[in-house]
Amino acid sequence: MASAAVELLVNGKVVASQEKRGKGVTVLAAELPGDPPQPFTVRIDQSKAAGDVPVCVMETGGTRTPVPYAPLAPVQAPSPTAGTPVPSLRWLRRLVRRPLRHMRLRRR
């Protein structure tokens, strides 16, 4: 199984991290900055029942708040020509040169 690091960021700073292996529920605990600091827990469900998008829930003070999924990097769809060999540009040069050669020969 592949492992991946799960990081929890608050105001751009990592406040909790954990090594994740496979699918299932990951629980991260941290504190929100303030006086006094507020402890909270984030549960990330990456099971088959959740589908492709992980389900995140923040628990603080006995209340649960769903967290919207927002990837850090945009997901790029593969291009329609991905995996297709790219022909060389030689055919294009030939296509342009042939009519030009014939035009030169006719003028002489």
PDB file of N, CA and C in Angstrom:
ATOM      1  N   MET A   1       0.827  -1.185   0.000  1.00  0.00           N
ATOM      2  CA  MET A   1       0.000   0.000   0.000  1.00  0.00           C
ATOM      3  C   MET A   1       0.866   1.241   0.000  1.00  0.00           C
ATOM      4  N   ALA A   2       0.400   2.257  -0.699  1.00  0.00           N
ATOM      5  CA  ALA A   2       1.129   3.511  -0.737  1.00  0.00           C
ATOM      6  C   ALA A   2       0.769   4.352   0.484  1.00  0.00           C
ATOM      7  N   SER A   3       1.764   5.036   1.003  1.00  0.00           N
ATOM      8  CA  SER A   3       1.493   5.914   2.132  1.00  0.00           C
ATOM      9  C   SER A   3       1.596   7.355   1.657  1.00  0.00           C
ATOM     10  N   ALA A   4       0.866   8.228   2.322  1.00  0.00           N
ATOM     11  CA  ALA A   4       0.877   9.644   1.978  1.00  0.00           C
ATOM     12  C   ALA A   4       0.776  10.447   3.263  1.00  0.00           C
ATOM     13  N   ALA A   5       1.340  11.632   3.239  1.00  0.00           N
ATOM     14  CA  ALA A   5       1.269  12.509   4.403  1.00  0.00           C
ATOM     15  C   ALA A   5       0.015  13.360   4.310  1.00  0.00           C
ATOM     16  N   VAL A   6      -0.717  13.443   5.408  1.00  0.00           N
ATOM     17  CA  VAL A   6      -1.900  14.300   5.505  1.00  0.00           C
ATOM     18  C   VAL A   6      -1.520  15.434   6.443  1.00  0.00           C
ATOM     19  N   GLU A   7      -1.646  16.676   5.947  1.00  0.00           N
ATOM     20  CA  GLU A   7      -1.296  17.834   6.757  1.00  0.00           C
ATOM     21  C   GLU A   7      -2.525  18.707   6.968  1.00  0.00           C
ATOM     22  N   LEU A   8      -2.644  19.262   8.146  1.00  0.00           N
ATOM     23  CA  LEU A   8      -3.733  20.166   8.492  1.00  0.00           C
ATOM     24  C   LEU A   8      -3.144  21.552   8.652  1.00  0.00           C
ATOM     25  N   LEU A   9      -3.625  22.506   7.843  1.00  0.00           N
ATOM     26  CA  LEU A   9      -3.106  23.864   7.867  1.00  0.00           C
ATOM     27  C   LEU A   9      -4.137  24.825   8.454  1.00  0.00           C
ATOM     28  N   VAL A  10      -3.679  25.728   9.325  1.00  0.00           N
ATOM     29  CA  VAL A  10      -4.497  26.814   9.866  1.00  0.00           C
ATOM     30  C   VAL A  10      -3.722  28.092   9.601  1.00  0.00           C
ATOM     31  N   ASN A  11      -4.344  29.010   8.853  1.00  0.00           N
ATOM     32  CA  ASN A  11      -3.693  30.261   8.461  1.00  0.00           C
ATOM     33  C   ASN A  11      -2.366  30.008   7.751  1.00  0.00           C
ATOM     34  N   GLY A  12      -2.304  28.961   6.931  1.00  0.00           N
ATOM     35  CA  GLY A  12      -1.106  28.646   6.156  1.00  0.00           C
ATOM     36  C   GLY A  12      -0.011  27.944   6.929  1.00  0.00           C
ATOM     37  N   LYS A  13      -0.244  27.586   8.184  1.00  0.00           N
ATOM     38  CA  LYS A  13       0.772  26.906   8.992  1.00  0.00           C
ATOM     39  C   LYS A  13       0.306  25.493   9.308  1.00  0.00           C
ATOM     40  N   VAL A  14       1.238  24.550   9.248  1.00  0.00           N
ATOM     41  CA  VAL A  14       0.912  23.161   9.566  1.00  0.00           C
ATOM     42  C   VAL A  14       0.749  23.032  11.073  1.00  0.00           C
ATOM     43  N   VAL A  15      -0.447  22.599  11.515  1.00  0.00           N
ATOM     44  CA  VAL A  15      -0.704  22.437  12.947  1.00  0.00           C
ATOM     45  C   VAL A  15      -0.811  20.958  13.330  1.00  0.00           C
ATOM     46  N   ALA A  16      -0.998  20.082  12.342  1.00  0.00           N
ATOM     47  CA  ALA A  16      -1.046  18.638  12.604  1.00  0.00           C
ATOM     48  C   ALA A  16      -0.715  17.902  11.320  1.00  0.00           C
ATOM     49  N   SER A  17      -0.087  16.752  11.450  1.00  0.00           N
ATOM     50  CA  SER A  17       0.207  15.919  10.285  1.00  0.00           C
ATOM     51  C   SER A  17       0.237  14.464  10.713  1.00  0.00           C
ATOM     52  N   GLN A  18       0.027  13.596   9.741  1.00  0.00           N
ATOM     53  CA  GLN A  18      -0.014  12.163  10.032  1.00  0.00           C
ATOM     54  C   GLN A  18       0.267  11.410   8.741  1.00  0.00           C
ATOM     55  N   GLU A  19       0.942  10.268   8.853  1.00  0.00           N
ATOM     56  CA  GLU A  19       1.147   9.395   7.706  1.00  0.00           C
ATOM     57  C   GLU A  19      -0.120   8.597   7.485  1.00  0.00           C
ATOM     58  N   LYS A  20      -0.602   8.590   6.256  1.00  0.00           N
ATOM     59  CA  LYS A  20      -1.844   7.902   5.910  1.00  0.00           C
ATOM     60  C   LYS A  20      -1.501   6.687   5.069  1.00  0.00           C
ATOM     61  N   ARG A  21      -2.088   5.542   5.397  1.00  0.00           N
ATOM     62  CA  ARG A  21      -1.877   4.322   4.619  1.00  0.00           C
ATOM     63  C   ARG A  21      -3.226   3.784   4.175  1.00  0.00           C
ATOM     64  N   GLY A  22      -3.397   3.694   2.876  1.00  0.00           N
ATOM     65  CA  GLY A  22      -4.626   3.126   2.340  1.00  0.00           C
ATOM     66  C   GLY A  22      -5.833   4.018   2.556  1.00  0.00           C
ATOM     67  N   LYS A  23      -6.999   3.379   2.576  1.00  0.00           N
ATOM     68  CA  LYS A  23      -8.255   4.117   2.753  1.00  0.00           C
ATOM     69  C   LYS A  23      -8.767   3.923   4.167  1.00  0.00           C
ATOM     70  N   GLY A  24      -9.703   4.762   4.566  1.00  0.00           N
ATOM     71  CA  GLY A  24     -10.275   4.695   5.901  1.00  0.00           C
ATOM     72  C   GLY A  24     -10.428   6.085   6.479  1.00  0.00           C
ATOM     73  N   VAL A  25     -10.535   6.152   7.794  1.00  0.00           N
ATOM     74  CA  VAL A  25     -10.733   7.434   8.480  1.00  0.00           C
ATOM     75  C   VAL A  25      -9.422   7.881   9.111  1.00  0.00           C
ATOM     76  N   THR A  26      -9.066   9.134   8.879  1.00  0.00           N
ATOM     77  CA  THR A  26      -7.889   9.745   9.489  1.00  0.00           C
ATOM     78  C   THR A  26      -8.378  10.818  10.449  1.00  0.00           C
ATOM     79  N   VAL A  27      -7.847  10.816  11.669  1.00  0.00           N
ATOM     80  CA  VAL A  27      -8.248  11.802  12.680  1.00  0.00           C
ATOM     81  C   VAL A  27      -7.029  12.642  13.035  1.00  0.00           C
ATOM     82  N   LEU A  28      -7.168  13.966  12.895  1.00  0.00           N
ATOM     83  CA  LEU A  28      -6.105  14.909  13.236  1.00  0.00           C
ATOM     84  C   LEU A  28      -6.613  15.839  14.323  1.00  0.00           C
ATOM     85  N   ALA A  29      -5.825  16.046  15.369  1.00  0.00           N
ATOM     86  CA  ALA A  29      -6.196  16.930  16.478  1.00  0.00           C
ATOM     87  C   ALA A  29      -5.216  18.096  16.530  1.00  0.00           C
ATOM     88  N   ALA A  30      -5.750  19.298  16.770  1.00  0.00           N
ATOM     89  CA  ALA A  30      -4.919  20.501  16.848  1.00  0.00           C
ATOM     90  C   ALA A  30      -5.655  21.548  17.675  1.00  0.00           C
ATOM     91  N   GLU A  31      -5.102  22.760  17.722  1.00  0.00           N
ATOM     92  CA  GLU A  31      -5.722  23.866  18.454  1.00  0.00           C
ATOM     93  C   GLU A  31      -5.798  25.091  17.555  1.00  0.00           C
ATOM     94  N   LEU A  32      -6.943  25.782  17.620  1.00  0.00           N
ATOM     95  CA  LEU A  32      -7.083  27.053  16.925  1.00  0.00           C
ATOM     96  C   LEU A  32      -6.394  28.130  17.749  1.00  0.00           C
ATOM     97  N   PRO A  33      -5.662  29.027  17.075  1.00  0.00           N
ATOM     98  CA  PRO A  33      -4.991  30.078  17.838  1.00  0.00           C
ATOM     99  C   PRO A  33      -5.998  31.030  18.478  1.00  0.00           C
ATOM    100  N   GLY A  34      -5.654  31.540  19.604  1.00  0.00           N
ATOM    101  CA  GLY A  34      -6.522  32.469  20.323  1.00  0.00           C
ATOM    102  C   GLY A  34      -6.192  32.424  21.807  1.00  0.00           C
ATOM    103  N   ASP A  35      -6.931  33.189  22.591  1.00  0.00           N
ATOM    104  CA  ASP A  35      -6.692  33.197  24.030  1.00  0.00           C
ATOM    105  C   ASP A  35      -8.000  32.882  24.727  1.00  0.00           C
ATOM    106  N   PRO A  36      -8.235  31.738  25.219  1.00  0.00           N
ATOM    107  CA  PRO A  36      -7.390  30.536  25.229  1.00  0.00           C
ATOM    108  C   PRO A  36      -7.502  29.781  23.906  1.00  0.00           C
ATOM    109  N   PRO A  37      -6.502  28.962  23.583  1.00  0.00           N
ATOM    110  CA  PRO A  37      -6.558  28.159  22.358  1.00  0.00           C
ATOM    111  C   PRO A  37      -7.742  27.195  22.404  1.00  0.00           C
ATOM    112  N   GLN A  38      -8.394  26.996  21.251  1.00  0.00           N
ATOM    113  CA  GLN A  38      -9.544  26.105  21.170  1.00  0.00           C
ATOM    114  C   GLN A  38      -9.129  24.790  20.514  1.00  0.00           C
ATOM    115  N   PRO A  39      -9.213  23.676  21.245  1.00  0.00           N
ATOM    116  CA  PRO A  39      -8.881  22.389  20.629  1.00  0.00           C
ATOM    117  C   PRO A  39      -9.973  21.967  19.640  1.00  0.00           C
ATOM    118  N   PHE A  40      -9.561  21.319  18.567  1.00  0.00           N
ATOM    119  CA  PHE A  40     -10.521  20.799  17.589  1.00  0.00           C
ATOM    120  C   PHE A  40      -9.960  19.526  16.960  1.00  0.00           C
ATOM    121  N   THR A  41     -10.851  18.794  16.309  1.00  0.00           N
ATOM    122  CA  THR A  41     -10.486  17.545  15.651  1.00  0.00           C
ATOM    123  C   THR A  41     -11.042  17.565  14.231  1.00  0.00           C
ATOM    124  N   VAL A  42     -10.257  17.082  13.301  1.00  0.00           N
ATOM    125  CA  VAL A  42     -10.708  16.957  11.911  1.00  0.00           C
ATOM    126  C   VAL A  42     -10.680  15.482  11.552  1.00  0.00           C
ATOM    127  N   ARG A  43     -11.819  14.992  11.054  1.00  0.00           N
ATOM    128  CA  ARG A  43     -11.945  13.598  10.616  1.00  0.00           C
ATOM    129  C   ARG A  43     -12.035  13.598   9.099  1.00  0.00           C
ATOM    130  N   ILE A  44     -11.166  12.823   8.457  1.00  0.00           N
ATOM    131  CA  ILE A  44     -11.142  12.714   6.998  1.00  0.00           C
ATOM    132  C   ILE A  44     -11.477  11.276   6.636  1.00  0.00           C
ATOM    133  N   ASP A  45     -12.597  11.097   5.936  1.00  0.00           N
ATOM    134  CA  ASP A  45     -13.048   9.760   5.536  1.00  0.00           C
ATOM    135  C   ASP A  45     -12.731   9.558   4.056  1.00  0.00           C
ATOM    136  N   GLN A  46     -11.841   8.604   3.778  1.00  0.00           N
ATOM    137  CA  GLN A  46     -11.471   8.291   2.403  1.00  0.00           C
ATOM    138  C   GLN A  46     -11.854   6.854   2.065  1.00  0.00           C
ATOM    139  N   SER A  47     -12.977   6.402   2.567  1.00  0.00           N
ATOM    140  CA  SER A  47     -13.404   5.032   2.311  1.00  0.00           C
ATOM    141  C   SER A  47     -14.086   4.927   0.954  1.00  0.00           C
ATOM    142  N   LYS A  48     -14.342   3.711   0.516  1.00  0.00           N
ATOM    143  CA  LYS A  48     -15.024   3.495  -0.762  1.00  0.00           C
ATOM    144  C   LYS A  48     -16.421   4.080  -0.741  1.00  0.00           C
ATOM    145  N   ALA A  49     -17.074   4.066   0.421  1.00  0.00           N
ATOM    146  CA  ALA A  49     -18.426   4.626   0.534  1.00  0.00           C
ATOM    147  C   ALA A  49     -18.415   6.137   0.299  1.00  0.00           C
ATOM    148  N   ALA A  50     -17.295   6.793   0.611  1.00  0.00           N
ATOM    149  CA  ALA A  50     -17.191   8.238   0.430  1.00  0.00           C
ATOM    150  C   ALA A  50     -16.957   8.614  -1.034  1.00  0.00           C
ATOM    151  N   GLY A  51     -16.509   7.685  -1.841  1.00  0.00           N
ATOM    152  CA  GLY A  51     -16.246   7.960  -3.257  1.00  0.00           C
ATOM    153  C   GLY A  51     -14.848   8.515  -3.470  1.00  0.00           C
ATOM    154  N   ASP A  52     -14.676   9.263  -4.563  1.00  0.00           N
ATOM    155  CA  ASP A  52     -13.363   9.811  -4.914  1.00  0.00           C
ATOM    156  C   ASP A  52     -12.974  11.031  -4.085  1.00  0.00           C
ATOM    157  N   VAL A  53     -13.957  11.779  -3.615  1.00  0.00           N
ATOM    158  CA  VAL A  53     -13.689  13.002  -2.859  1.00  0.00           C
ATOM    159  C   VAL A  53     -13.737  12.691  -1.364  1.00  0.00           C
ATOM    160  N   PRO A  54     -12.665  12.993  -0.617  1.00  0.00           N
ATOM    161  CA  PRO A  54     -12.693  12.723   0.819  1.00  0.00           C
ATOM    162  C   PRO A  54     -13.714  13.597   1.540  1.00  0.00           C
ATOM    163  N   VAL A  55     -14.333  13.045   2.575  1.00  0.00           N
ATOM    164  CA  VAL A  55     -15.310  13.768   3.378  1.00  0.00           C
ATOM    165  C   VAL A  55     -14.602  14.259   4.638  1.00  0.00           C
ATOM    166  N   CYS A  56     -14.620  15.572   4.874  1.00  0.00           N
ATOM    167  CA  CYS A  56     -13.953  16.173   6.031  1.00  0.00           C
ATOM    168  C   CYS A  56     -14.991  16.782   6.967  1.00  0.00           C
ATOM    169  N   VAL A  57     -14.822  16.513   8.265  1.00  0.00           N
ATOM    170  CA  VAL A  57     -15.703  17.064   9.291  1.00  0.00           C
ATOM    171  C   VAL A  57     -14.837  17.622  10.412  1.00  0.00           C
ATOM    172  N   MET A  58     -15.082  18.892  10.807  1.00  0.00           N
ATOM    173  CA  MET A  58     -14.357  19.496  11.922  1.00  0.00           C
ATOM    174  C   MET A  58     -15.245  19.435  13.158  1.00  0.00           C
ATOM    175  N   GLU A  59     -14.684  18.915  14.248  1.00  0.00           N
ATOM    176  CA  GLU A  59     -15.411  18.819  15.514  1.00  0.00           C
ATOM    177  C   GLU A  59     -14.745  19.747  16.522  1.00  0.00           C
ATOM    178  N   THR A  60     -15.523  20.693  17.036  1.00  0.00           N
ATOM    179  CA  THR A  60     -15.016  21.600  18.059  1.00  0.00           C
ATOM    180  C   THR A  60     -16.145  21.972  19.012  1.00  0.00           C
ATOM    181  N   GLY A  61     -15.877  21.884  20.287  1.00  0.00           N
ATOM    182  CA  GLY A  61     -16.862  22.242  21.309  1.00  0.00           C
ATOM    183  C   GLY A  61     -18.143  21.426  21.223  1.00  0.00           C
ATOM    184  N   GLY A  62     -18.066  20.195  20.801  1.00  0.00           N
ATOM    185  CA  GLY A  62     -19.237  19.336  20.714  1.00  0.00           C
ATOM    186  C   GLY A  62     -20.068  19.519  19.453  1.00  0.00           C
ATOM    187  N   THR A  63     -19.665  20.408  18.547  1.00  0.00           N
ATOM    188  CA  THR A  63     -20.396  20.594  17.292  1.00  0.00           C
ATOM    189  C   THR A  63     -19.571  20.070  16.122  1.00  0.00           C
ATOM    190  N   ARG A  64     -20.269  19.580  15.114  1.00  0.00           N
ATOM    191  CA  ARG A  64     -19.610  19.076  13.915  1.00  0.00           C
ATOM    192  C   ARG A  64     -19.941  19.996  12.744  1.00  0.00           C
ATOM    193  N   THR A  65     -18.901  20.380  12.011  1.00  0.00           N
ATOM    194  CA  THR A  65     -19.060  21.266  10.862  1.00  0.00           C
ATOM    195  C   THR A  65     -18.417  20.615   9.648  1.00  0.00           C
ATOM    196  N   PRO A  66     -19.174  20.426   8.554  1.00  0.00           N
ATOM    197  CA  PRO A  66     -18.551  19.864   7.344  1.00  0.00           C
ATOM    198  C   PRO A  66     -17.590  20.873   6.728  1.00  0.00           C
ATOM    199  N   VAL A  67     -16.473  20.362   6.252  1.00  0.00           N
ATOM    200  CA  VAL A  67     -15.461  21.200   5.620  1.00  0.00           C
ATOM    201  C   VAL A  67     -15.505  20.910   4.123  1.00  0.00           C
ATOM    202  N   PRO A  68     -15.657  21.939   3.270  1.00  0.00           N
ATOM    203  CA  PRO A  68     -15.714  21.688   1.830  1.00  0.00           C
ATOM    204  C   PRO A  68     -14.369  21.196   1.298  1.00  0.00           C
ATOM    205  N   TYR A  69     -14.436  20.380   0.266  1.00  0.00           N
ATOM    206  CA  TYR A  69     -13.233  19.847  -0.366  1.00  0.00           C
ATOM    207  C   TYR A  69     -12.630  20.923  -1.254  1.00  0.00           C
ATOM    208  N   ALA A  70     -11.381  21.273  -1.003  1.00  0.00           N
ATOM    209  CA  ALA A  70     -10.677  22.275  -1.804  1.00  0.00           C
ATOM    210  C   ALA A  70      -9.240  21.813  -1.987  1.00  0.00           C
ATOM    211  N   PRO A  71      -8.916  21.162  -3.125  1.00  0.00           N
ATOM    212  CA  PRO A  71      -7.541  20.710  -3.341  1.00  0.00           C
ATOM    213  C   PRO A  71      -6.589  21.891  -3.477  1.00  0.00           C
ATOM    214  N   LEU A  72      -5.335  21.701  -3.080  1.00  0.00           N
ATOM    215  CA  LEU A  72      -4.353  22.774  -3.156  1.00  0.00           C
ATOM    216  C   LEU A  72      -3.951  23.072  -4.582  1.00  0.00           C
ATOM    217  N   ALA A  73      -3.919  22.055  -5.429  1.00  0.00           N
ATOM    218  CA  ALA A  73      -3.556  22.234  -6.832  1.00  0.00           C
ATOM    219  C   ALA A  73      -4.756  21.887  -7.695  1.00  0.00           C
ATOM    220  N   PRO A  74      -4.972  22.645  -8.764  1.00  0.00           N
ATOM    221  CA  PRO A  74      -6.105  22.319  -9.630  1.00  0.00           C
ATOM    222  C   PRO A  74      -5.901  20.966 -10.298  1.00  0.00           C
ATOM    223  N   VAL A  75      -6.979  20.244 -10.436  1.00  0.00           N
ATOM    224  CA  VAL A  75      -6.927  18.940 -11.087  1.00  0.00           C
ATOM    225  C   VAL A  75      -6.996  19.177 -12.582  1.00  0.00           C
ATOM    226  N   GLN A  76      -6.002  18.667 -13.299  1.00  0.00           N
ATOM    227  CA  GLN A  76      -5.957  18.858 -14.738  1.00  0.00           C
ATOM    228  C   GLN A  76      -6.412  17.583 -15.428  1.00  0.00           C
ATOM    229  N   ALA A  77      -7.329  17.744 -16.336  1.00  0.00           N
ATOM    230  CA  ALA A  77      -7.793  16.606 -17.113  1.00  0.00           C
ATOM    231  C   ALA A  77      -6.723  16.251 -18.141  1.00  0.00           C
ATOM    232  N   PRO A  78      -6.540  14.970 -18.396  1.00  0.00           N
ATOM    233  CA  PRO A  78      -5.554  14.607 -19.411  1.00  0.00           C
ATOM    234  C   PRO A  78      -5.991  15.124 -20.773  1.00  0.00           C
ATOM    235  N   SER A  79      -5.039  15.530 -21.574  1.00  0.00           N
ATOM    236  CA  SER A  79      -5.375  16.049 -22.893  1.00  0.00           C
ATOM    237  C   SER A  79      -5.927  14.924 -23.761  1.00  0.00           C
ATOM    238  N   PRO A  80      -6.796  15.251 -24.718  1.00  0.00           N
ATOM    239  CA  PRO A  80      -7.390  14.207 -25.540  1.00  0.00           C
ATOM    240  C   PRO A  80      -6.364  13.447 -26.366  1.00  0.00           C
ATOM    241  N   THR A  81      -5.197  14.034 -26.598  1.00  0.00           N
ATOM    242  CA  THR A  81      -4.172  13.363 -27.393  1.00  0.00           C
ATOM    243  C   THR A  81      -3.102  12.720 -26.523  1.00  0.00           C
ATOM    244  N   ALA A  82      -3.353  12.609 -25.216  1.00  0.00           N
ATOM    245  CA  ALA A  82      -2.361  12.009 -24.327  1.00  0.00           C
ATOM    246  C   ALA A  82      -2.129  10.560 -24.733  1.00  0.00           C
ATOM    247  N   GLY A  83      -0.883  10.178 -24.849  1.00  0.00           N
ATOM    248  CA  GLY A  83      -0.534   8.812 -25.210  1.00  0.00           C
ATOM    249  C   GLY A  83      -0.470   8.596 -26.712  1.00  0.00           C
ATOM    250  N   THR A  84      -0.871   9.584 -27.517  1.00  0.00           N
ATOM    251  CA  THR A  84      -0.806   9.466 -28.963  1.00  0.00           C
ATOM    252  C   THR A  84       0.555   9.946 -29.425  1.00  0.00           C
ATOM    253  N   PRO A  85       1.242   9.168 -30.246  1.00  0.00           N
ATOM    254  CA  PRO A  85       2.555   9.626 -30.701  1.00  0.00           C
ATOM    255  C   PRO A  85       2.423  10.888 -31.545  1.00  0.00           C
ATOM    256  N   VAL A  86       3.331  11.806 -31.360  1.00  0.00           N
ATOM    257  CA  VAL A  86       3.314  13.070 -32.091  1.00  0.00           C
ATOM    258  C   VAL A  86       4.163  12.915 -33.340  1.00  0.00           C
ATOM    259  N   PRO A  87       3.586  13.137 -34.527  1.00  0.00           N
ATOM    260  CA  PRO A  87       4.377  13.009 -35.748  1.00  0.00           C
ATOM    261  C   PRO A  87       5.373  14.164 -35.853  1.00  0.00           C
ATOM    262  N   SER A  88       6.449  13.919 -36.581  1.00  0.00           N
ATOM    263  CA  SER A  88       7.433  14.982 -36.750  1.00  0.00           C
ATOM    264  C   SER A  88       6.857  16.049 -37.669  1.00  0.00           C
ATOM    265  N   LEU A  89       7.463  17.195 -37.685  1.00  0.00           N
ATOM    266  CA  LEU A  89       6.987  18.305 -38.512  1.00  0.00           C
ATOM    267  C   LEU A  89       7.512  18.211 -39.945  1.00  0.00           C
ATOM    268  N   ARG A  90       8.221  17.139 -40.248  1.00  0.00           N
ATOM    269  CA  ARG A  90       8.770  16.966 -41.586  1.00  0.00           C
ATOM    270  C   ARG A  90       7.672  16.961 -42.648  1.00  0.00           C
ATOM    271  N   TRP A  91       6.560  16.322 -42.343  1.00  0.00           N
ATOM    272  CA  TRP A  91       5.457  16.252 -43.313  1.00  0.00           C
ATOM    273  C   TRP A  91       4.905  17.646 -43.619  1.00  0.00           C
ATOM    274  N   LEU A  92       4.903  18.524 -42.611  1.00  0.00           N
ATOM    275  CA  LEU A  92       4.401  19.880 -42.819  1.00  0.00           C
ATOM    276  C   LEU A  92       5.348  20.677 -43.710  1.00  0.00           C
ATOM    277  N   ARG A  93       6.648  20.527 -43.479  1.00  0.00           N
ATOM    278  CA  ARG A  93       7.626  21.212 -44.327  1.00  0.00           C
ATOM    279  C   ARG A  93       7.516  20.745 -45.768  1.00  0.00           C
ATOM    280  N   ARG A  94       7.355  19.434 -45.951  1.00  0.00           N
ATOM    281  CA  ARG A  94       7.218  18.899 -47.316  1.00  0.00           C
ATOM    282  C   ARG A  94       5.957  19.441 -47.985  1.00  0.00           C
ATOM    283  N   LEU A  95       4.895  19.525 -47.211  1.00  0.00           N
ATOM    284  CA  LEU A  95       3.629  20.010 -47.737  1.00  0.00           C
ATOM    285  C   LEU A  95       3.764  21.446 -48.241  1.00  0.00           C
ATOM    286  N   VAL A  96       4.542  22.250 -47.548  1.00  0.00           N
ATOM    287  CA  VAL A  96       4.724  23.649 -47.933  1.00  0.00           C
ATOM    288  C   VAL A  96       5.752  23.774 -49.055  1.00  0.00           C
ATOM    289  N   ARG A  97       6.833  23.015 -49.016  1.00  0.00           N
ATOM    290  CA  ARG A  97       7.915  23.146 -49.996  1.00  0.00           C
ATOM    291  C   ARG A  97       7.529  22.649 -51.389  1.00  0.00           C
ATOM    292  N   ARG A  98       6.782  21.582 -51.484  1.00  0.00           N
ATOM    293  CA  ARG A  98       6.457  21.006 -52.795  1.00  0.00           C
ATOM    294  C   ARG A  98       5.747  22.008 -53.702  1.00  0.00           C
ATOM    295  N   PRO A  99       4.668  22.643 -53.237  1.00  0.00           N
ATOM    296  CA  PRO A  99       4.036  23.625 -54.146  1.00  0.00           C
ATOM    297  C   PRO A  99       4.966  24.783 -54.491  1.00  0.00           C
ATOM    298  N   LEU A 100       5.819  25.185 -53.552  1.00  0.00           N
ATOM    299  CA  LEU A 100       6.746  26.286 -53.830  1.00  0.00           C
ATOM    300  C   LEU A 100       7.751  25.885 -54.901  1.00  0.00           C
ATOM    301  N   ARG A 101       8.247  24.658 -54.865  1.00  0.00           N
ATOM    302  CA  ARG A 101       9.196  24.181 -55.870  1.00  0.00           C
ATOM    303  C   ARG A 101       8.551  24.162 -57.255  1.00  0.00           C
ATOM    304  N   HIS A 102       7.312  23.697 -57.304  1.00  0.00           N
ATOM    305  CA  HIS A 102       6.646  23.630 -58.591  1.00  0.00           C
ATOM    306  C   HIS A 102       6.371  25.012 -59.151  1.00  0.00           C
ATOM    307  N   MET A 103       6.100  25.964 -58.275  1.00  0.00           N
ATOM    308  CA  MET A 103       5.869  27.330 -58.726  1.00  0.00           C
ATOM    309  C   MET A 103       7.145  27.932 -59.294  1.00  0.00           C
ATOM    310  N   ARG A 104       8.295  27.628 -58.698  1.00  0.00           N
ATOM    311  CA  ARG A 104       9.585  28.135 -59.172  1.00  0.00           C
ATOM    312  C   ARG A 104       9.927  27.538 -60.516  1.00  0.00           C
ATOM    313  N   LEU A 105       9.650  26.242 -60.687  1.00  0.00           N
ATOM    314  CA  LEU A 105       9.970  25.591 -61.932  1.00  0.00           C
ATOM    315  C   LEU A 105       9.120  26.138 -63.089  1.00  0.00           C
ATOM    316  N   ARG A 106       7.889  26.459 -62.826  1.00  0.00           N
ATOM    317  CA  ARG A 106       7.005  26.960 -63.860  1.00  0.00           C
ATOM    318  C   ARG A 106       7.401  28.367 -64.311  1.00  0.00           C
ATOM    319  N   ARG A 107       7.947  29.177 -63.445  1.00  0.00           N
ATOM    320  CA  ARG A 107       8.326  30.549 -63.791  1.00  0.00           C
ATOM    321  C   ARG A 107       9.537  30.580 -64.701  1.00  0.00           C
ATOM    322  N   ARG A 108      10.392  29.616 -64.642  1.00  0.00           N
ATOM    323  CA  ARG A 108      11.640  29.637 -65.434  1.00  0.00           C
ATOM    324  C   ARG A 108      11.399  29.403 -66.854  1.00  0.00           C
TER     325      ARG A 108
END
